[in-house]
Protein backbone atom coordinates (compact mmCIF):
# COMPACT_ATOMS: atom_id res chain seq x y z
CA VAL A 1 -6.76 10.51 -6.98
CA SER A 2 -6.04 9.50 -3.38
CA CYS A 3 -9.71 7.05 -2.21
CA GLY A 4 -10.37 7.02 1.52
CA GLY A 5 -13.09 4.84 3.69
CA ALA A 6 -16.02 6.64 1.88
CA PHE A 7 -14.72 9.31 0.13
CA THR A 8 -12.69 10.69 -2.27
CA ILE A 9 -9.91 13.63 -2.96
CA LEU A 10 -8.56 14.47 -6.81
CA ILE A 11 -6.18 16.70 -7.71
CA ASP A 12 -6.90 18.20 -11.51
CA ARG A 13 -4.28 19.64 -13.86
CA GLU A 14 -3.89 22.85 -11.88
CA ALA A 15 -3.35 21.40 -8.83
CA VAL A 16 -6.32 21.78 -7.32
CA LEU A 17 -8.24 19.50 -4.87
CA TRP A 18 -11.63 18.56 -5.08
CA GLY A 19 -13.88 16.01 -3.38
CA CYS A 20 -16.96 13.76 -3.35
CA GLY A 21 -18.57 11.41 -1.53
CA SER A 22 -19.13 11.13 2.56
CA ASN A 23 -18.56 14.02 4.78
CA VAL A 24 -19.93 12.99 8.12
CA HIS A 25 -16.11 14.39 9.58
CA GLY A 26 -16.08 16.98 6.64
CA GLU A 27 -13.18 14.38 5.40
CA LEU A 28 -14.15 16.34 2.03
CA GLY A 29 -12.56 19.46 3.64
CA VAL A 30 -15.23 21.79 1.22
CA GLY A 31 -15.75 23.94 4.92
CA ASP A 32 -19.41 21.77 5.60
CA PHE A 33 -20.15 18.52 6.61
CA GLU A 34 -22.74 17.70 3.77
CA GLY A 35 -21.71 14.90 1.60
CA ARG A 36 -21.57 15.71 -2.32
CA ALA A 37 -22.19 13.53 -5.25
CA ALA A 38 -20.27 15.15 -7.65
CA PRO A 39 -16.21 16.80 -7.32
CA THR A 40 -16.21 20.00 -5.41
CA ARG A 41 -13.64 22.04 -5.01
CA LEU A 42 -11.70 22.52 -2.09
CA ALA A 43 -11.96 26.47 -2.25
CA SER A 44 -9.67 26.84 1.13
CA LEU A 45 -6.82 25.64 -0.82
CA SER A 46 -7.68 26.88 -4.82
CA ALA A 47 -4.74 29.08 -4.14
CA THR A 48 -2.27 26.66 -2.86
CA PRO A 49 -1.07 24.56 -5.91
CA MET A 50 -0.68 20.71 -4.40
CA ARG A 51 1.90 18.15 -4.95
CA SER A 52 -0.58 14.87 -3.44
CA VAL A 53 -3.16 14.11 -1.07
CA ALA A 54 -3.49 10.86 0.83
CA ALA A 55 -7.22 9.83 1.89
CA GLY A 56 -7.34 8.23 5.14
CA GLU A 57 -10.66 6.28 6.89
CA ARG A 58 -12.37 9.83 7.97
CA HIS A 59 -9.54 12.22 7.42
CA ALA A 60 -7.43 13.01 4.62
CA VAL A 61 -3.52 14.70 4.18
CA ALA A 62 -2.18 16.53 1.87
CA VAL A 63 1.27 18.06 0.47
CA SER A 64 1.73 21.31 -1.41
CA ILE A 65 4.15 22.15 -3.75
CA ALA A 66 6.01 24.60 -1.22
CA GLY A 67 6.26 21.23 1.00
CA ASP A 68 3.18 21.86 3.57
CA VAL A 69 1.43 19.30 4.92
CA TYR A 70 -2.59 19.96 5.47
CA ALA A 71 -5.33 17.73 7.10
CA TRP A 72 -9.08 18.16 7.41
CA GLY A 73 -11.86 15.34 8.63
CA SER A 74 -11.75 13.11 11.67
CA ARG A 75 -9.77 14.75 14.56
CA ARG A 76 -10.22 11.15 16.42
CA HIS A 77 -6.88 9.66 18.09
CA GLY A 78 -4.79 13.39 16.75
CA ALA A 79 -5.01 11.65 13.21
CA LEU A 80 -4.93 15.26 12.04
CA GLY A 81 -1.55 15.87 13.54
CA LEU A 82 -3.63 19.03 15.87
CA PRO A 83 -3.88 19.74 18.89
CA LEU A 84 -7.53 17.57 20.43
CA LEU A 85 -10.02 20.19 21.08
CA ALA A 86 -13.66 20.04 22.45
CA GLY A 87 -16.33 21.68 21.02
CA SER A 88 -17.36 22.66 17.58
CA GLU A 89 -14.26 21.43 16.03
CA ALA A 90 -14.64 17.68 17.84
CA ARG A 91 -16.87 16.24 15.27
CA GLY A 92 -14.19 16.78 12.77
CA LEU A 93 -12.60 20.05 10.72
CA PRO A 94 -14.41 20.47 7.72
CA THR A 95 -11.50 23.26 6.31
CA PRO A 96 -7.54 22.07 5.53
CA ARG A 97 -5.42 23.32 8.02
CA ALA A 98 -1.85 23.29 7.65
CA VAL A 99 0.10 20.96 10.35
CA PRO A 100 2.16 23.11 12.69
CA ALA A 101 4.78 20.81 13.64
CA LEU A 102 5.88 20.36 10.36
CA ARG A 103 6.09 23.87 8.92
CA GLY A 104 9.30 24.89 7.55
CA ARG A 105 10.27 21.10 7.29
CA ARG A 106 9.08 20.74 3.13
CA ALA A 107 7.29 17.58 3.15
CA VAL A 108 7.03 15.24 -0.27
CA ALA A 109 4.57 12.81 0.15
CA ALA A 110 2.03 11.68 2.98
CA ALA A 111 0.10 8.89 3.79
CA SER A 112 -2.88 8.46 5.65
CA GLY A 113 -4.36 5.69 7.59
CA SER A 114 -7.59 4.29 9.75
CA ASP A 115 -6.24 7.02 12.14
CA TRP A 116 -3.46 7.79 11.93
CA ALA A 117 -0.72 9.48 9.28
CA MET A 118 2.64 10.17 8.07
CA ALA A 119 4.38 12.77 5.92
CA LEU A 120 7.90 11.96 3.98
CA LEU A 121 10.16 15.15 4.43
CA GLU A 122 12.42 16.62 1.79
CA ASP A 123 15.80 15.06 3.34
CA GLY A 124 14.21 11.65 4.25
CA SER A 125 12.82 11.35 7.53
CA VAL A 126 9.55 10.41 7.75
CA TYR A 127 6.86 11.57 10.80
CA CYS A 128 4.17 9.93 12.00
CA TRP A 129 1.11 10.94 14.35
CA GLY A 130 -2.27 9.87 15.65
CA LYS A 131 -2.74 6.21 16.33
CA GLY A 132 -4.11 2.12 15.14
CA VAL A 133 -6.91 0.57 16.74
CA GLN A 134 -7.66 0.06 19.94
CA PRO A 135 -8.24 -3.79 21.21
CA ARG A 136 -11.80 -4.87 21.76
CA GLY A 137 -12.75 -4.10 24.99
CA GLY A 138 -10.45 -0.92 25.52
CA GLY A 139 -10.99 2.53 26.18
CA GLY A 140 -11.88 4.74 23.74
CA GLY A 141 -13.94 3.21 20.77
CA GLY A 142 -11.46 3.10 17.69
CA ALA A 143 -12.48 2.23 14.26
CA ARG A 144 -12.92 -1.44 14.00
CA GLY A 145 -16.58 -0.81 15.96
CA GLU A 146 -17.58 2.05 13.15
CA GLY A 147 -18.40 1.73 9.39
CA GLY A 148 -15.84 -0.56 7.03
CA GLY A 149 -16.11 -4.05 7.40
CA GLU A 150 -13.67 -6.33 8.73
CA PRO A 151 -12.30 -9.39 7.75
CA PRO A 152 -12.89 -12.17 10.40
CA SER A 153 -9.92 -12.54 12.24
CA PRO A 154 -8.89 -15.78 14.75
CA ARG A 155 -7.40 -13.47 16.86
CA ARG A 156 -10.16 -10.42 16.84
CA ARG A 157 -8.09 -8.10 18.03
CA ALA A 158 -5.32 -5.63 16.91
CA LEU A 159 -2.51 -3.94 18.77
CA SER A 160 -3.68 -0.31 20.44
CA ALA A 161 -1.42 2.48 19.01
CA GLU A 162 2.07 0.66 20.30
CA ALA A 163 2.47 -0.61 16.47
CA LEU A 164 2.28 2.81 15.18
CA SER A 165 2.96 5.49 17.79
CA SER A 166 5.10 3.57 19.96
CA ALA A 167 7.54 3.03 16.11
CA ALA A 168 7.73 6.56 16.11
CA GLY A 169 9.08 6.80 19.89
CA ALA A 170 6.14 8.13 20.78
CA ALA A 171 3.68 7.35 23.74
CA PRO A 172 1.46 4.06 23.07
CA SER A 173 -1.61 6.19 23.87
CA GLY A 174 -0.62 7.53 20.87
CA THR A 175 -0.08 11.61 20.27
CA ALA A 176 -1.03 14.39 17.89
CA THR A 177 2.04 15.86 17.70
CA PRO A 178 4.05 14.31 14.57
CA GLN A 179 6.94 12.46 15.99
CA LEU A 180 10.05 11.20 13.52
CA LEU A 181 10.12 7.58 13.06
CA GLU A 182 13.08 5.67 13.89
CA LEU A 183 14.99 4.56 10.51
CA PRO A 184 18.33 2.94 9.71
CA ALA A 185 18.44 5.35 6.18
CA SER A 186 15.93 7.96 4.31
CA CYS A 187 13.69 7.25 2.69
CA THR A 188 12.11 7.86 -0.90
CA ALA A 189 8.60 6.55 -0.58
CA VAL A 190 6.05 5.54 2.15
CA ALA A 191 2.58 3.76 2.31
CA ALA A 192 -0.31 3.22 5.33
CA GLY A 193 -2.39 0.60 5.27
CA ARG A 194 -5.53 1.22 8.03
CA SER A 195 -3.19 0.10 10.81
CA HIS A 196 0.14 -0.37 9.41
CA GLY A 197 2.76 1.10 7.42
CA LEU A 198 6.00 0.93 4.93
CA ALA A 199 8.54 3.03 4.07
CA LEU A 200 11.17 2.78 1.35
CA CYS A 201 14.67 3.63 2.18
CA GLY A 202 17.73 3.87 0.54
CA GLY A 203 18.91 4.41 -2.70
CA GLY A 204 20.11 1.98 -5.18
CA ASP A 205 20.54 -0.75 -2.47
CA ALA A 206 16.65 -0.06 -1.43
CA THR A 207 15.13 -1.56 1.62
CA VAL A 208 11.65 -1.91 2.79
CA TYR A 209 10.33 -1.95 6.48
CA SER A 210 7.04 -2.45 7.81
CA TRP A 211 5.52 -2.35 11.09
CA GLY A 212 2.07 -2.70 13.08
CA VAL A 213 -0.65 -4.67 13.15
CA GLY A 214 0.13 -7.78 10.95
CA ASP A 215 -2.85 -9.97 11.89
CA TYR A 216 -3.67 -10.64 8.13
CA GLY A 217 0.27 -11.06 7.16
CA GLN A 218 0.08 -7.99 5.81
CA LEU A 219 3.91 -6.78 7.17
CA GLY A 220 5.20 -9.18 5.06
CA ALA A 221 7.12 -11.06 7.67
CA GLY A 222 6.22 -14.63 7.01
CA ALA A 223 4.05 -14.62 10.05
CA ALA A 224 0.49 -12.93 11.54
CA GLU A 225 2.59 -10.97 14.15
CA GLU A 226 2.47 -7.12 15.33
CA ARG A 227 5.75 -5.44 15.00
CA PRO A 228 5.89 -2.06 17.57
CA HIS A 229 8.99 -1.06 15.53
CA ALA A 230 10.05 -1.15 11.92
CA GLU A 231 11.88 -3.63 10.68
CA ARG A 232 13.58 -5.34 7.36
CA LEU A 233 11.09 -6.67 4.87
CA PRO A 234 12.71 -9.71 4.11
CA LEU A 235 12.42 -10.11 0.44
CA PRO A 236 13.99 -12.70 -2.40
CA LEU A 237 17.33 -12.75 -3.65
CA GLY A 238 17.57 -10.57 -7.11
CA VAL A 239 14.58 -8.31 -7.06
CA ALA A 240 14.97 -4.51 -5.98
CA PRO A 241 11.99 -2.93 -4.82
CA ARG A 242 10.66 -0.11 -6.40
CA CYS A 243 7.68 0.97 -4.91
CA VAL A 244 5.19 -0.19 -1.52
CA ALA A 245 1.69 0.61 -1.47
CA ALA A 246 -1.08 -0.43 1.39
CA VAL A 247 -4.65 -0.89 2.07
CA GLY A 248 -6.38 -2.29 4.32
CA TYR A 249 -5.08 -5.20 5.03
CA GLY A 250 -3.00 -5.69 2.94
CA SER A 251 0.40 -4.23 1.29
CA ALA A 252 2.08 -4.47 -1.88
CA VAL A 253 6.16 -4.28 -3.54
CA LEU A 254 6.54 -3.47 -6.97
CA VAL A 255 10.04 -4.47 -7.65
CA GLY A 256 12.64 -4.76 -10.33
CA ARG A 257 15.71 -6.43 -11.04
CA ALA A 258 18.60 -6.17 -8.73
CA ALA A 259 21.56 -3.80 -9.67
CA GLY A 260 23.78 -4.84 -12.20
CA GLU A 261 21.16 -7.60 -13.85
CA LEU A 262 21.36 -5.70 -17.06
CA GLY A 263 18.48 -7.26 -20.56
CA PRO A 264 14.73 -7.26 -20.26
CA PRO A 265 13.50 -10.06 -17.86
CA GLN A 266 13.00 -13.11 -19.67
CA PRO A 267 9.57 -15.74 -19.00
CA PRO A 268 10.56 -19.05 -17.44
CA ALA A 269 11.93 -21.94 -19.83
CA LEU A 270 9.57 -24.97 -20.61
CA SER A 271 10.63 -26.51 -23.61
CA ALA A 272 8.45 -29.48 -25.31
CA GLY A 273 10.70 -31.72 -24.26
CA SER A 274 10.48 -31.02 -21.02
CA ALA A 275 7.11 -30.85 -20.45
CA LEU A 276 6.36 -34.52 -22.44
CA SER A 277 8.78 -36.15 -19.94
CA LEU A 278 7.00 -34.97 -16.83
CA ALA A 279 3.75 -35.92 -18.80
CA ASP A 280 5.55 -39.18 -19.00
CA GLY A 281 6.34 -39.67 -15.57
CA ARG A 282 2.18 -38.56 -15.04
CA ARG A 283 4.15 -35.59 -12.65
CA TRP A 284 0.89 -33.37 -13.18
CA GLY A 285 1.32 -31.26 -10.55
CA GLU A 286 4.98 -30.37 -11.18
CA LEU A 287 3.74 -29.41 -15.13
CA ALA A 288 0.84 -27.55 -14.09
CA GLU A 289 2.91 -25.08 -11.62
CA ARG A 290 5.39 -25.00 -14.59
CA VAL A 291 3.03 -24.05 -17.43
CA GLY A 292 1.45 -21.63 -14.82
CA ALA A 293 4.78 -19.94 -14.44
CA VAL A 294 5.67 -19.40 -17.85
CA PHE A 295 2.08 -18.06 -18.92
CA ALA A 296 1.81 -15.87 -15.63
CA SER A 297 5.01 -14.56 -16.55
CA PRO A 298 4.96 -10.33 -16.82
CA ALA A 299 7.90 -11.06 -19.81
CA LEU A 300 5.66 -13.07 -21.86
CA LEU A 301 2.47 -10.68 -21.46
CA ALA A 302 4.98 -8.40 -23.72
CA ARG A 303 4.28 -9.09 -27.45
CA ALA A 304 7.89 -8.70 -28.73
CA SER A 305 9.20 -11.33 -25.80
CA ALA A 306 6.60 -13.84 -26.86
CA ARG A 307 7.73 -13.27 -30.64
CA ARG A 308 11.48 -14.07 -28.90
CA THR A 309 10.94 -16.78 -26.92
CA GLY A 310 8.41 -18.86 -28.53
CA ARG A 311 9.07 -21.09 -31.89
CA PRO A 312 7.11 -20.34 -35.05
CA ARG A 313 3.60 -21.42 -35.38
CA GLY A 314 3.23 -25.11 -36.43
CA ALA A 315 6.84 -26.05 -36.28
CA ARG A 316 7.12 -29.75 -34.89
CA GLY A 317 7.63 -29.54 -31.13
CA ASP A 318 6.01 -26.30 -30.45
CA VAL A 319 5.32 -25.86 -26.74
CA ARG A 320 1.63 -25.17 -27.74
CA ASP A 321 1.29 -28.63 -29.36
CA ALA A 322 2.85 -30.15 -26.16
CA ASP A 323 0.62 -28.43 -24.40
CA ALA A 324 -2.57 -29.52 -26.10
CA HIS A 325 -1.46 -32.62 -25.77
CA VAL A 326 -0.91 -32.73 -22.18
CA ARG A 327 -4.28 -31.32 -21.04
CA GLY A 328 -6.12 -34.20 -23.46
CA CYS A 329 -3.99 -36.66 -21.64
CA ALA A 330 -4.59 -35.56 -18.57
CA ALA A 331 -8.39 -35.34 -19.16
CA ARG A 332 -8.25 -39.16 -20.44
CA GLY A 333 -5.89 -40.25 -17.91
CA CYS A 334 -2.96 -41.41 -20.49
CA GLY A 335 0.34 -41.55 -20.76
CA PRO A 336 1.85 -38.99 -23.81
CA ALA A 337 1.56 -40.10 -27.11
CA ARG A 338 5.69 -41.26 -28.79
């Protein structure tokens, strides 16, 4: 299932596409511009088994099992990777069409943003096309004035095509022709936000790269900045990226343990003695942080892990007893009982 601006595209067990929701720009790919309140089969692709689909703001891109890339919906700024045409097709393309520049290249995945998209090929290369959001006051409109809420920004601006298409070596005005994204290693996964992108590259020593608009910190660079070229995303030591995701103005990276670290993950340790010592020193902030880290640990959510790390119920010095005592003292403003 892939959700776009106001529509949804699904793939069933038979690898057939279905669409429902808004269809103003032909984003459902059903051959017309009428919205659908129930899933409707994309008849033109019913004989083509599909591998994946990525819904953007007003367009969608899909990859067939054979590796062909199809696009439909809004043609704004070249988001479909097709030549820009006037006349009846200027409104949008309601019927999926193969992206000509990628024929025979065998794609394995695709991602769609606001007015741009990209495809991951079997050889690990990434191609992107279209462009990002126009700056306020610039020509060509842009996505920010149409549909969809925009969180308030002190900067009130976004990078135009330079953040997206320049990363692929294209002209700042954007392009409808897929361009190779310059990356130092082959990729295994890609993700697209409204006007930023992520790429997971490398094998055992995987690395995440980000580029595009970063007004809200979505690039993970530690500051609200823009990146016209793909740059490495700094991650904590000891973790290895496994998957990337992006939506709107946000990003996420699923991480695992670094290579060579064996055994299941363990929750942070907090003994009863440590809890009482922190409470005795009235270090409530540190105690709250330590307790929060324990109970927010994914490892502790597993029942087996909780049994291994917890003491028997009712045992003297149980962390549960200490926690109850600490919370009571915090409420009364007293120190710990001895």
